[in-house]
Amino acid sequence: ASALTTTCVFVPFFFLSDSRSATWMRDAGLAICLAVLVSMVVALSLLPLAASRLFREGAERYDRYIKLAVVAAVAGIVWHKIGAAGKMGAWWERWLGLFSDSITGINWPTGLGLGLIAMAMIAWAWYIRRHGLRSSYAELLGWTLDHRWVALVATVGLTATGYYAYQQIEHRGTPWQSERRVDMSVTIDRSYSLEKVKEHFSEIERQLMERKSELDIESLTTRFSQRRGSIRAYLVNADDGQLTTQEAGTAIKALLPEKVGYTYKMGRSRSWQGNMLGVEVQLQGRNPEVLAVLVEEVAAGLEKLPGVEDVDSSLEDGEEEVRVEVNRAQALNYGLSPQEVASGIASALGTRRTSGFKSEDREIDIVMQLNEGDRSTLDQLRNSTFEGRDGTSIQLGSLADFHIQRGPRDLRRADRQLNVTVFANTKNRKQAQDLATPIREMMSQMALPPGYSWDLGRAARWGQEDADDSNFTAIFAVILIYLIMASLFESLIHPFTIMLAIPFSLIGVALGLSIFDVPFDNNGALGLLILFGIVVNNGIVLIDHINHLRAEGLSRREAILLGGQHRLRPILMTAFTTILNLMPIVLP
């Protein structure tokens, strides 16, 4: 029964949708199901054989040597992991700092609840030390049976505390690669030459790298052209740094040298707790001018929301360009067609291949254009000449008008429609989750033209798909557990005595994640399902023994008290062996 209930917890993984997390969860479910089935075969075949060989008279004399061997093996592993002197101190300092920061950062209701639980656990440990574990547990069971309403109120209070803590922790889907990064874009005025831009970015690199340790910068990269540039700072690990991702970005932006013609914009921040921090609204439509107006309205609405910083959009202005409009009538008077004028400008300024030169090992492109000194300014372009019908030289300025304006904007398409994203940074992902409802209310009050739509972006869609898969898995697993236990106990009522304990497993999970400030992702969901299986297995072991004692003639109260004492040690051994088995994954 224990093997079947554990297996059925992971059977729903094979019925998940085609979301991002479903692929690896199917693989994990298949591996766990196979491992449980193999362990069942081992438990029913090899363990009885091993017991027949080891549980015989005289085997106790080897206990001392086995204990020494276990202690020596554990000591060797610890010594190997510690390595050089001082490594254990650094490990302890890191985890102590993480624990203290998590404790000081929780809100007072959760802290009060944790304090009361800790005081109760300390008092119970002191009582157990004086009266023994089994007798103390029997007295606790007797007290709860005599004060059922008090026990019910305490249970409801603990459940409410766990549910509240579960709502406060950060939720995300697929775990991301641990990376903290700050991106910043730079818009440069056309009056600066490339050499001047290079000098400015060199000054930026110098100032930031001089304060590398203060800003938690691990490495810095910059890219620039004559009109645009970007700054990307990779930050150290969050446990080793002093600033959050948002604080580091604000400090970096404050240190950038101010100069006329340079505009700095904060990009999307990346954090060790997820891919990108912040919120976003994606707009879809067909007309770029209408989308530009909607982007301004959405950006203005986001700036009014609390906790929102660095509002920007993916709608980028095009590069400045010179637009030449040829006067057709004037060109025809000199015997030139507009196409000839356009071809002459393209040949003089472009970099298109006109011919080629074949060498012994390769072919070399030949590009013909004006010297760089003859095409560096707009006046030089106006003064360029063409040969007319009668062989006279004609200046281009007399044939065409020149205008400097922005080129086409950078727009992306999705589902055959233009797509623009308005985004803003937040301090953490939990704050971004809290802003989802205000953003929906803001967008519901905004009247979009027909044919235009919005959503909360790709990350929100992925998160919703992962949440739907997790809910489906949990509900399907509970149904399968009930069916197996109903067939085991031959009753439709007895399974509820075990299944009612499943929701209480969320208490410890939520409080633990809240204390250590760990997000609840797909790995957490997988661990929670494993916990469901452990709770059900412990319940089967306990309830089956209580039913056996009642069949022997004991009353319900006596069977519960005696069954609890008899099964206390196996349940504790199951819990502690599982914890110790998973401990190497938790500790570095």
Protein backbone atom coordinates (compact mmCIF):
# COMPACT_ATOMS: atom_id res chain seq x y z
CA ALA A 1 0.00 0.00 0.00
CA SER A 2 2.83 2.42 0.84
CA ALA A 3 4.52 1.75 -2.50
CA LEU A 4 1.28 2.19 -4.43
CA THR A 5 0.36 5.46 -2.70
CA THR A 6 3.84 6.87 -3.32
CA THR A 7 3.68 5.81 -6.96
CA CYS A 8 0.23 7.25 -7.58
CA VAL A 9 1.45 10.64 -6.33
CA PHE A 10 3.66 10.88 -9.44
CA VAL A 11 1.34 9.20 -11.95
CA PRO A 12 -0.38 12.57 -12.74
CA PHE A 13 2.95 13.80 -14.16
CA PHE A 14 2.28 11.68 -17.25
CA PHE A 15 -0.96 13.60 -17.97
CA LEU A 16 0.46 17.13 -17.80
CA SER A 17 0.19 19.62 -20.63
CA ASP A 18 3.05 20.55 -22.95
CA SER A 19 4.26 23.40 -20.73
CA ARG A 20 7.94 24.11 -20.09
CA SER A 21 7.98 22.36 -16.73
CA ALA A 22 6.03 19.29 -17.87
CA THR A 23 8.99 17.73 -19.72
CA TRP A 24 11.37 17.43 -16.80
CA MET A 25 8.53 16.64 -14.35
CA ARG A 26 7.55 13.64 -16.50
CA ASP A 27 11.14 12.42 -16.40
CA ALA A 28 11.31 12.95 -12.63
CA GLY A 29 7.99 11.15 -12.11
CA LEU A 30 9.09 8.19 -14.24
CA ALA A 31 12.39 7.87 -12.33
CA ILE A 32 10.67 8.04 -8.92
CA CYS A 33 7.95 5.55 -9.88
CA LEU A 34 10.56 3.06 -11.09
CA ALA A 35 12.63 3.58 -7.94
CA VAL A 36 9.61 2.99 -5.68
CA LEU A 37 8.61 -0.17 -7.55
CA VAL A 38 12.15 -1.54 -7.39
CA SER A 39 12.35 -0.72 -3.66
CA MET A 40 9.07 -2.60 -3.14
CA VAL A 41 10.54 -5.69 -4.81
CA VAL A 42 13.69 -5.38 -2.69
CA ALA A 43 11.68 -4.97 0.51
CA LEU A 44 9.59 -8.08 -0.22
CA SER A 45 12.45 -10.32 -1.35
CA LEU A 46 15.97 -9.29 -0.34
CA LEU A 47 15.20 -7.76 3.06
CA PRO A 48 13.70 -10.96 4.52
CA LEU A 49 16.77 -12.87 3.27
CA ALA A 50 19.13 -10.31 4.84
CA ALA A 51 17.16 -10.42 8.11
CA SER A 52 17.42 -14.19 8.27
CA ARG A 53 21.21 -13.90 8.07
CA LEU A 54 21.78 -10.92 10.35
CA PHE A 55 19.11 -11.33 13.03
CA ARG A 56 20.61 -14.37 14.72
CA GLU A 57 22.20 -15.04 18.05
CA GLY A 58 25.71 -13.69 18.53
CA ALA A 59 25.43 -10.92 15.92
CA GLU A 60 25.30 -8.29 18.69
CA ARG A 61 29.03 -8.58 19.28
CA TYR A 62 29.69 -6.83 15.97
CA ASP A 63 27.69 -3.72 16.95
CA ARG A 64 30.71 -1.98 18.48
CA TYR A 65 32.84 -2.40 15.36
CA ILE A 66 30.02 -1.31 13.07
CA LYS A 67 29.51 1.85 15.14
CA LEU A 68 33.22 2.66 14.96
CA ALA A 69 33.22 2.12 11.20
CA VAL A 70 30.20 4.42 10.73
CA VAL A 71 31.74 7.14 12.91
CA ALA A 72 35.04 6.89 11.02
CA ALA A 73 33.28 7.10 7.66
CA VAL A 74 31.27 10.17 8.70
CA ALA A 75 34.39 11.83 10.12
CA GLY A 76 36.29 11.15 6.89
CA ILE A 77 33.53 12.64 4.76
CA VAL A 78 33.36 15.74 6.98
CA TRP A 79 37.14 16.16 6.88
CA HIS A 80 37.15 15.77 3.10
CA LYS A 81 34.42 18.39 2.66
CA ILE A 82 36.02 20.85 5.06
CA GLY A 83 39.37 20.65 3.28
CA ALA A 84 41.63 23.58 4.07
CA ALA A 85 41.46 25.33 7.43
CA GLY A 86 38.87 28.05 7.64
CA LYS A 87 36.49 26.57 5.07
CA MET A 88 34.11 25.33 7.75
CA GLY A 89 34.08 28.78 9.31
CA ALA A 90 33.16 30.37 5.98
CA TRP A 91 30.39 27.80 5.46
CA TRP A 92 29.01 28.43 8.95
CA GLU A 93 29.21 32.21 8.55
CA ARG A 94 27.35 32.06 5.23
CA TRP A 95 24.48 29.95 6.50
CA LEU A 96 24.26 31.79 9.80
CA GLY A 97 24.01 35.08 7.90
CA LEU A 98 21.34 33.66 5.61
CA PHE A 99 19.33 32.40 8.57
CA SER A 100 19.63 35.66 10.53
CA ASP A 101 18.68 37.78 7.50
CA SER A 102 15.62 35.60 6.92
CA ILE A 103 14.56 35.81 10.57
CA THR A 104 14.93 39.59 10.77
CA GLY A 105 13.12 40.06 7.45
CA ILE A 106 9.87 38.23 8.27
CA ASN A 107 6.79 40.19 9.31
CA TRP A 108 5.59 40.23 12.91
CA PRO A 109 2.56 37.87 12.61
CA THR A 110 4.73 35.12 11.16
CA GLY A 111 7.48 35.84 13.68
CA LEU A 112 5.01 35.66 16.57
CA GLY A 113 3.66 32.35 15.33
CA LEU A 114 7.15 30.91 14.90
CA GLY A 115 8.11 32.10 18.38
CA LEU A 116 5.11 30.41 19.98
CA ILE A 117 5.82 27.19 18.07
CA ALA A 118 9.48 27.28 19.12
CA MET A 119 8.53 27.83 22.78
CA ALA A 120 6.06 24.94 22.62
CA MET A 121 8.70 22.65 21.08
CA ILE A 122 11.25 23.60 23.75
CA ALA A 123 8.75 22.94 26.55
CA TRP A 124 7.79 19.60 25.04
CA ALA A 125 11.46 18.60 24.62
CA TRP A 126 12.09 19.38 28.30
CA TYR A 127 9.04 17.34 29.29
CA ILE A 128 10.13 14.39 27.13
CA ARG A 129 13.57 14.43 28.70
CA ARG A 130 12.01 13.96 32.14
CA HIS A 131 9.24 11.45 31.34
CA GLY A 132 10.42 9.60 28.23
CA LEU A 133 9.37 9.84 24.59
CA ARG A 134 6.69 7.15 24.38
CA SER A 135 4.94 8.01 27.63
CA SER A 136 5.01 11.71 26.79
CA TYR A 137 3.52 11.04 23.37
CA ALA A 138 0.79 8.87 24.94
CA GLU A 139 -0.04 11.64 27.41
CA LEU A 140 -0.22 14.17 24.55
CA LEU A 141 -2.57 11.89 22.61
CA GLY A 142 -4.73 11.42 25.68
CA TRP A 143 -4.87 15.16 26.30
CA THR A 144 -5.92 15.90 22.70
CA LEU A 145 -8.64 13.23 22.91
CA ASP A 146 -9.93 14.77 26.15
CA HIS A 147 -9.76 18.36 24.79
CA ARG A 148 -10.85 17.94 21.22
CA TRP A 149 -12.15 21.48 20.73
CA VAL A 150 -8.89 22.99 21.99
CA ALA A 151 -6.91 20.71 19.67
CA LEU A 152 -9.20 21.63 16.78
CA VAL A 153 -8.77 25.39 17.39
CA ALA A 154 -4.97 24.99 17.65
CA THR A 155 -4.93 22.95 14.43
CA VAL A 156 -7.01 25.53 12.58
CA GLY A 157 -4.70 28.28 13.85
CA LEU A 158 -1.60 26.45 12.67
CA THR A 159 -3.21 25.77 9.29
CA ALA A 160 -4.13 29.44 8.89
CA THR A 161 -0.56 30.44 9.79
CA GLY A 162 0.85 28.02 7.25
CA TYR A 163 -1.55 29.20 4.54
CA TYR A 164 -0.70 32.84 5.28
CA ALA A 165 3.02 32.07 5.07
CA TYR A 166 2.41 30.19 1.82
CA GLN A 167 0.74 33.27 0.31
CA GLN A 168 3.67 35.47 1.35
CA ILE A 169 6.47 33.42 -0.21
CA GLU A 170 7.56 33.93 -3.79
CA HIS A 171 6.04 31.60 -6.39
CA ARG A 172 7.67 30.79 -9.68
CA GLY A 173 7.69 27.98 -12.21
CA THR A 174 10.83 26.52 -13.72
CA PRO A 175 14.01 27.35 -11.74
CA TRP A 176 16.39 29.65 -13.56
CA GLN A 177 20.14 29.77 -13.72
CA SER A 178 21.48 31.79 -10.82
CA GLU A 179 22.47 35.10 -12.38
CA ARG A 180 22.30 38.68 -11.21
CA ARG A 181 22.65 41.25 -13.95
CA VAL A 182 22.01 44.94 -14.56
CA ASP A 183 21.44 46.15 -18.12
CA MET A 184 21.43 49.78 -19.21
CA SER A 185 20.96 51.32 -22.66
CA VAL A 186 22.52 54.60 -23.81
CA THR A 187 21.19 56.93 -26.50
CA ILE A 188 23.82 59.24 -27.98
CA ASP A 189 23.32 62.52 -29.84
CA ARG A 190 24.48 62.56 -33.47
CA SER A 191 26.89 65.43 -32.85
CA TYR A 192 29.47 63.15 -31.16
CA SER A 193 32.10 61.36 -33.19
CA LEU A 194 32.97 57.73 -32.62
CA GLU A 195 36.23 58.71 -30.90
CA LYS A 196 34.37 60.94 -28.44
CA VAL A 197 31.89 58.14 -27.73
CA LYS A 198 34.78 55.75 -27.08
CA GLU A 199 36.34 58.20 -24.62
CA HIS A 200 33.03 58.55 -22.77
CA PHE A 201 32.52 54.79 -22.42
CA SER A 202 36.12 54.37 -21.26
CA GLU A 203 35.37 56.90 -18.51
CA ILE A 204 32.24 54.91 -17.56
CA GLU A 205 34.25 51.69 -17.31
CA ARG A 206 36.94 53.39 -15.23
CA GLN A 207 34.50 54.88 -12.70
CA LEU A 208 32.51 51.68 -12.27
CA MET A 209 35.51 49.37 -11.97
CA GLU A 210 37.11 51.64 -9.36
CA ARG A 211 34.08 50.92 -7.14
CA LYS A 212 33.70 47.33 -8.21
CA SER A 213 33.47 45.92 -4.67
CA GLU A 214 31.03 48.60 -3.48
CA LEU A 215 28.65 47.91 -6.38
CA ASP A 216 28.90 44.08 -6.15
CA ILE A 217 30.17 44.00 -9.76
CA GLU A 218 31.81 40.78 -10.84
CA SER A 219 32.38 41.74 -14.49
CA LEU A 220 31.44 44.61 -16.77
CA THR A 221 30.87 44.76 -20.53
CA THR A 222 30.07 47.76 -22.73
CA ARG A 223 29.11 48.05 -26.39
CA PHE A 224 28.67 51.22 -28.38
CA SER A 225 28.26 52.71 -31.83
CA GLN A 226 28.03 56.34 -32.88
CA ARG A 227 24.35 56.59 -31.91
CA ARG A 228 23.69 53.87 -29.32
CA GLY A 229 25.40 51.93 -26.57
CA SER A 230 24.77 49.44 -23.79
CA ILE A 231 26.22 48.71 -20.36
CA ARG A 232 25.91 45.27 -18.79
CA ALA A 233 27.12 44.55 -15.25
CA TYR A 234 27.18 40.99 -13.92
CA LEU A 235 26.86 41.00 -10.13
CA VAL A 236 28.32 38.63 -7.57
CA ASN A 237 26.21 35.94 -5.91
CA ALA A 238 23.43 37.32 -3.73
CA ASP A 239 24.82 35.55 -0.65
CA ASP A 240 28.22 37.20 -1.16
CA GLY A 241 26.97 40.67 -2.12
CA GLN A 242 25.86 43.65 -0.08
CA LEU A 243 23.20 45.07 -2.43
CA THR A 244 20.08 43.75 -4.06
CA THR A 245 19.87 43.75 -7.84
CA GLN A 246 17.69 46.85 -7.85
CA GLU A 247 19.94 48.70 -5.38
CA ALA A 248 23.01 47.87 -7.46
CA GLY A 249 21.31 49.14 -10.62
CA THR A 250 20.33 52.41 -8.94
CA ALA A 251 23.86 52.91 -7.60
CA ILE A 252 25.41 52.19 -11.02
CA LYS A 253 23.08 54.66 -12.75
CA ALA A 254 23.90 57.36 -10.17
CA LEU A 255 27.64 57.00 -10.90
CA LEU A 256 27.35 57.36 -14.68
CA PRO A 257 28.92 60.65 -15.83
CA GLU A 258 26.34 63.23 -16.87
CA LYS A 259 26.94 64.71 -20.30
CA VAL A 260 24.76 66.66 -22.71
CA GLY A 261 23.51 64.38 -25.48
CA TYR A 262 23.77 61.12 -23.48
CA THR A 263 20.56 59.51 -22.17
CA TYR A 264 20.69 56.48 -19.87
CA LYS A 265 17.80 54.04 -19.52
CA MET A 266 17.62 51.15 -17.08
CA GLY A 267 16.90 47.81 -18.70
CA ARG A 268 15.32 44.68 -17.26
CA SER A 269 17.04 43.56 -14.05
CA ARG A 270 17.99 39.93 -13.53
CA SER A 271 18.16 38.30 -10.10
CA TRP A 272 19.24 35.00 -8.55
CA GLN A 273 15.58 34.42 -7.59
CA GLY A 274 14.35 34.31 -11.17
CA ASN A 275 14.91 35.24 -14.76
CA MET A 276 13.75 38.86 -14.80
CA LEU A 277 12.48 41.07 -12.03
CA GLY A 278 9.55 43.38 -12.61
CA VAL A 279 6.27 43.53 -14.45
CA GLU A 280 5.36 43.91 -18.09
CA VAL A 281 2.35 44.57 -20.28
CA GLN A 282 2.36 43.36 -23.88
CA LEU A 283 0.24 45.22 -26.41
CA GLN A 284 -0.79 43.69 -29.75
CA GLY A 285 -2.20 45.53 -32.75
CA ARG A 286 -1.67 46.44 -36.40
CA ASN A 287 -1.00 50.20 -36.50
CA PRO A 288 2.37 51.31 -35.08
CA GLU A 289 1.16 54.87 -34.47
CA VAL A 290 -1.77 53.63 -32.37
CA LEU A 291 0.54 51.31 -30.43
CA ALA A 292 2.88 54.23 -29.71
CA VAL A 293 -0.01 56.18 -28.15
CA LEU A 294 -1.12 53.15 -26.10
CA VAL A 295 2.45 52.61 -24.89
CA GLU A 296 2.53 56.14 -23.47
CA GLU A 297 -0.79 55.62 -21.68
CA VAL A 298 0.28 52.28 -20.17
CA ALA A 299 3.66 53.68 -19.11
CA ALA A 300 1.97 56.63 -17.40
CA GLY A 301 -0.34 54.23 -15.55
CA LEU A 302 2.53 51.99 -14.42
CA GLU A 303 4.47 54.96 -13.03
CA LYS A 304 1.59 55.66 -10.64
CA LEU A 305 1.69 52.18 -9.09
CA PRO A 306 3.66 51.76 -5.82
CA GLY A 307 7.01 49.99 -6.02
CA VAL A 308 7.43 50.46 -9.76
CA GLU A 309 10.73 51.84 -11.07
CA ASP A 310 12.42 52.47 -14.42
CA VAL A 311 9.35 52.25 -16.67
CA ASP A 312 10.36 51.75 -20.31
CA SER A 313 9.17 49.99 -23.45
CA SER A 314 10.55 47.89 -26.28
CA LEU A 315 9.42 50.56 -28.76
CA GLU A 316 12.75 52.06 -29.80
CA ASP A 317 13.15 55.05 -32.08
CA GLY A 318 14.88 54.39 -35.34
CA GLU A 319 18.31 55.68 -36.21
CA GLU A 320 18.68 59.20 -37.60
CA GLU A 321 18.98 59.17 -41.36
CA VAL A 322 19.19 61.59 -44.26
CA ARG A 323 16.18 61.43 -46.56
CA VAL A 324 16.79 62.67 -50.13
CA GLU A 325 13.75 63.74 -52.23
CA VAL A 326 14.69 64.14 -55.90
CA ASN A 327 12.94 66.88 -57.88
CA ARG A 328 11.85 64.85 -60.89
CA ALA A 329 11.15 67.80 -63.21
CA GLN A 330 14.47 69.47 -62.45
CA ALA A 331 16.38 66.23 -62.96
CA LEU A 332 14.67 65.57 -66.32
CA ASN A 333 15.61 69.06 -67.51
CA TYR A 334 19.28 68.09 -67.14
CA GLY A 335 18.73 64.70 -68.75
CA LEU A 336 18.83 62.70 -65.52
CA SER A 337 16.22 60.30 -64.20
CA PRO A 338 15.45 59.97 -60.47
CA GLN A 339 16.76 56.39 -60.64
CA GLU A 340 20.15 57.58 -61.95
CA VAL A 341 20.41 60.12 -59.13
CA ALA A 342 19.50 57.50 -56.51
CA SER A 343 22.00 55.01 -57.98
CA GLY A 344 24.74 57.62 -57.90
CA ILE A 345 24.10 58.38 -54.21
CA ALA A 346 24.00 54.67 -53.33
CA SER A 347 27.28 54.05 -55.17
CA ALA A 348 29.00 57.00 -53.49
CA LEU A 349 27.90 56.25 -49.95
CA GLY A 350 27.03 52.55 -49.85
CA THR A 351 29.19 49.52 -49.20
CA ARG A 352 27.65 47.21 -51.77
CA ARG A 353 29.96 44.99 -53.82
CA THR A 354 30.52 46.26 -57.36
CA SER A 355 32.99 43.69 -58.65
CA GLY A 356 35.49 41.10 -57.52
CA PHE A 357 39.14 40.17 -57.80
CA LYS A 358 40.18 36.53 -57.94
CA SER A 359 43.44 35.58 -56.31
CA GLU A 360 45.07 32.15 -56.12
CA ASP A 361 43.23 31.08 -52.95
CA ARG A 362 40.12 33.29 -52.69
CA GLU A 363 37.96 35.98 -54.26
CA ILE A 364 38.17 39.54 -52.93
CA ASP A 365 35.16 41.90 -53.12
CA ILE A 366 35.67 45.32 -54.65
CA VAL A 367 33.64 48.20 -53.17
CA MET A 368 33.72 51.63 -54.86
CA GLN A 369 32.68 54.69 -52.86
CA LEU A 370 33.78 58.23 -52.08
CA ASN A 371 36.71 58.84 -49.80
CA GLU A 372 35.74 59.17 -46.17
CA GLY A 373 36.79 62.81 -46.15
CA ASP A 374 34.43 63.58 -49.06
CA ARG A 375 31.31 62.01 -47.45
CA SER A 376 31.54 62.94 -43.77
CA THR A 377 29.09 65.93 -43.78
CA LEU A 378 25.75 66.76 -45.36
CA ASP A 379 27.21 69.77 -47.19
CA GLN A 380 29.66 67.50 -48.97
CA LEU A 381 26.73 65.34 -50.07
CA ARG A 382 24.94 68.43 -51.45
CA ASN A 383 28.06 69.51 -53.32
CA SER A 384 28.54 66.16 -55.04
CA THR A 385 28.15 66.47 -58.84
CA PHE A 386 26.45 64.60 -61.66
CA GLU A 387 27.13 64.86 -65.41
CA GLY A 388 24.17 66.28 -67.35
CA ARG A 389 22.96 65.77 -70.92
CA ASP A 390 25.43 68.20 -72.46
CA GLY A 391 28.35 67.15 -70.25
CA THR A 392 27.99 69.94 -67.68
CA SER A 393 28.47 69.24 -63.94
CA ILE A 394 25.34 69.59 -61.84
CA GLN A 395 25.37 69.75 -58.02
CA LEU A 396 23.11 67.34 -56.19
CA GLY A 397 21.79 70.20 -54.04
CA SER A 398 20.08 71.70 -57.10
CA LEU A 399 18.34 68.42 -57.91
CA ALA A 400 17.01 67.28 -54.53
CA ASP A 401 15.88 68.36 -51.07
CA PHE A 402 17.50 66.94 -47.92
CA HIS A 403 15.81 66.18 -44.57
CA ILE A 404 17.25 64.65 -41.38
CA GLN A 405 14.68 62.50 -39.58
CA ARG A 406 14.26 59.29 -37.60
CA GLY A 407 14.05 56.00 -39.42
CA PRO A 408 11.43 53.29 -38.82
CA ARG A 409 10.91 52.16 -35.24
CA ASP A 410 11.95 48.75 -33.98
CA LEU A 411 8.78 46.64 -33.86
CA ARG A 412 8.36 42.90 -33.34
CA ARG A 413 5.62 40.67 -34.64
CA ALA A 414 3.80 37.82 -32.93
CA ASP A 415 0.82 35.94 -34.37
CA ARG A 416 0.99 38.22 -37.42
CA GLN A 417 0.47 41.33 -35.29
CA LEU A 418 2.80 44.04 -34.04
CA ASN A 419 3.91 43.44 -30.48
CA VAL A 420 5.19 46.07 -28.02
CA THR A 421 6.16 45.47 -24.37
CA VAL A 422 5.96 48.07 -21.61
CA PHE A 423 8.03 46.94 -18.63
CA ALA A 424 9.12 48.22 -15.22
CA ASN A 425 11.52 46.93 -12.58
CA THR A 426 10.60 45.98 -9.01
CA LYS A 427 12.71 45.18 -5.96
CA ASN A 428 11.83 41.48 -6.00
CA ARG A 429 9.54 39.00 -7.71
CA LYS A 430 7.11 38.93 -4.79
CA GLN A 431 6.42 42.63 -5.32
CA ALA A 432 5.88 41.94 -9.02
CA GLN A 433 3.33 39.25 -8.14
CA ASP A 434 1.47 41.67 -5.86
CA LEU A 435 1.26 44.20 -8.71
CA ALA A 436 -0.52 41.78 -11.05
CA THR A 437 -3.98 42.63 -9.68
CA PRO A 438 -3.53 46.46 -9.79
CA ILE A 439 -2.23 46.19 -13.35
CA ARG A 440 -5.26 44.15 -14.42
CA GLU A 441 -7.55 46.76 -12.83
CA MET A 442 -5.65 49.55 -14.58
CA MET A 443 -5.88 47.86 -17.99
CA SER A 444 -9.58 47.02 -17.53
CA GLN A 445 -10.29 50.74 -17.19
CA MET A 446 -8.35 51.58 -20.37
CA ALA A 447 -10.44 51.57 -23.55
CA LEU A 448 -8.48 49.85 -26.31
CA PRO A 449 -9.45 50.33 -29.96
CA PRO A 450 -11.04 47.38 -31.76
CA GLY A 451 -8.47 44.83 -32.87
CA TYR A 452 -6.01 45.65 -30.06
CA SER A 453 -5.37 43.44 -27.02
CA TRP A 454 -3.03 43.11 -24.05
CA ASP A 455 -1.66 40.56 -21.62
CA LEU A 456 0.83 40.42 -18.76
CA GLY A 457 3.63 39.03 -20.87
CA ARG A 458 5.30 35.74 -21.54
CA ALA A 459 6.52 35.20 -17.96
CA ALA A 460 2.97 35.54 -16.60
CA ARG A 461 1.68 33.01 -19.14
CA TRP A 462 4.40 30.55 -18.21
CA GLY A 463 3.71 31.03 -14.52
CA GLN A 464 -0.02 30.41 -15.03
CA GLU A 465 0.69 27.23 -17.01
CA ASP A 466 3.00 25.96 -14.26
CA ALA A 467 0.41 26.79 -11.59
CA ASP A 468 -2.33 24.95 -13.52
CA ASP A 469 -0.10 21.90 -13.87
CA SER A 470 0.74 21.92 -10.15
CA ASN A 471 -2.94 22.18 -9.17
CA PHE A 472 -3.90 19.39 -11.55
CA THR A 473 -1.12 17.15 -10.22
CA ALA A 474 -2.10 17.71 -6.58
CA ILE A 475 -5.84 17.09 -7.15
CA PHE A 476 -5.26 14.01 -9.32
CA ALA A 477 -2.80 12.57 -6.77
CA VAL A 478 -5.26 13.04 -3.88
CA ILE A 479 -7.99 11.23 -5.85
CA LEU A 480 -5.69 8.29 -6.61
CA ILE A 481 -4.56 8.11 -2.98
CA TYR A 482 -8.17 7.96 -1.82
CA LEU A 483 -9.02 5.15 -4.25
CA ILE A 484 -6.05 3.03 -3.14
CA MET A 485 -6.73 3.52 0.58
CA ALA A 486 -10.44 2.85 0.12
CA SER A 487 -9.59 -0.50 -1.44
CA LEU A 488 -7.00 -1.19 1.29
CA PHE A 489 -9.27 -0.46 4.27
CA GLU A 490 -12.42 -1.71 2.47
CA SER A 491 -14.16 1.45 3.63
CA LEU A 492 -15.06 4.82 2.17
CA ILE A 493 -14.71 6.57 5.57
CA HIS A 494 -11.38 5.32 6.95
CA PRO A 495 -9.28 6.92 4.14
CA PHE A 496 -10.40 10.35 5.32
CA THR A 497 -8.62 9.78 8.65
CA ILE A 498 -5.36 9.81 6.68
CA MET A 499 -6.24 12.25 3.92
CA LEU A 500 -7.25 14.96 6.40
CA ALA A 501 -3.62 15.03 7.50
CA ILE A 502 -2.35 15.93 4.00
CA PRO A 503 -3.25 19.68 4.13
CA PHE A 504 -1.35 20.03 7.42
CA SER A 505 1.89 19.10 5.66
CA LEU A 506 1.76 22.53 4.04
CA ILE A 507 2.36 24.18 7.43
CA GLY A 508 5.98 23.16 7.80
CA VAL A 509 6.75 23.68 4.10
CA ALA A 510 5.38 27.22 4.06
CA LEU A 511 7.04 28.24 7.33
CA GLY A 512 10.39 26.76 6.28
CA LEU A 513 10.40 28.47 2.88
CA SER A 514 9.28 31.73 4.46
CA ILE A 515 12.04 31.68 7.09
CA PHE A 516 14.84 30.96 4.62
CA ASP A 517 13.34 33.23 1.92
CA VAL A 518 13.32 30.41 -0.64
CA PRO A 519 10.88 30.64 -3.58
CA PHE A 520 8.32 27.91 -4.20
CA ASP A 521 9.09 26.59 -7.69
CA ASN A 522 8.63 23.30 -9.50
CA ASN A 523 11.29 21.69 -7.34
CA GLY A 524 9.29 22.74 -4.28
CA ALA A 525 6.12 21.32 -5.82
CA LEU A 526 7.92 18.04 -6.44
CA GLY A 527 9.11 17.96 -2.82
CA LEU A 528 5.59 18.74 -1.60
CA LEU A 529 4.22 15.75 -3.53
CA ILE A 530 6.91 13.54 -1.99
CA LEU A 531 5.82 14.86 1.39
CA PHE A 532 2.22 13.88 0.58
CA GLY A 533 3.41 10.34 -0.01
CA ILE A 534 5.34 10.24 3.29
CA VAL A 535 2.34 11.55 5.23
CA VAL A 536 0.10 8.93 3.66
CA ASN A 537 2.61 6.13 4.32
CA ASN A 538 2.93 7.11 7.98
CA GLY A 539 -0.84 7.28 8.24
CA ILE A 540 -1.24 3.81 6.75
CA VAL A 541 1.30 2.37 9.19
CA LEU A 542 -0.49 3.96 12.15
CA ILE A 543 -4.14 3.42 11.17
CA ASP A 544 -3.59 -0.18 10.06
CA HIS A 545 -2.05 -1.03 13.44
CA ILE A 546 -4.89 0.75 15.31
CA ASN A 547 -7.46 -1.25 13.33
CA HIS A 548 -5.55 -4.43 14.18
CA LEU A 549 -5.64 -3.59 17.90
CA ARG A 550 -9.36 -2.85 17.75
CA ALA A 551 -9.92 -6.21 16.06
CA GLU A 552 -8.24 -7.81 19.07
CA GLY A 553 -10.87 -6.29 21.37
CA LEU A 554 -9.35 -2.99 22.56
CA SER A 555 -11.55 0.07 22.79
CA ARG A 556 -11.08 2.94 20.36
CA ARG A 557 -9.25 5.12 22.90
CA GLU A 558 -6.97 2.32 24.07
CA ALA A 559 -6.20 1.28 20.48
CA ILE A 560 -5.27 4.86 19.54
CA LEU A 561 -3.01 5.37 22.57
CA LEU A 562 -1.29 1.99 22.30
CA GLY A 563 -1.03 2.10 18.50
CA GLY A 564 0.54 5.56 18.67
CA GLN A 565 3.19 4.32 21.12
CA HIS A 566 3.93 1.22 19.04
CA ARG A 567 4.27 3.09 15.73
CA LEU A 568 6.03 6.20 17.04
CA ARG A 569 9.54 4.84 16.47
CA PRO A 570 8.97 3.58 12.87
CA ILE A 571 7.38 6.91 11.90
CA LEU A 572 10.26 8.91 13.41
CA MET A 573 12.79 6.66 11.71
CA THR A 574 11.07 7.20 8.36
CA ALA A 575 11.04 10.96 8.83
CA PHE A 576 14.66 11.30 9.97
CA THR A 577 16.08 8.94 7.34
CA THR A 578 14.29 10.94 4.63
CA ILE A 579 15.59 14.22 6.06
CA LEU A 580 19.16 12.95 6.33
CA ASN A 581 18.95 11.46 2.84
CA LEU A 582 17.99 14.84 1.35
CA MET A 583 20.36 16.88 3.52
CA PRO A 584 23.34 16.66 1.09
CA ILE A 585 21.17 18.38 -1.54
CA VAL A 586 20.42 21.28 0.81
CA LEU A 587 23.87 21.86 2.25
CA PRO A 588 26.66 23.14 -0.03
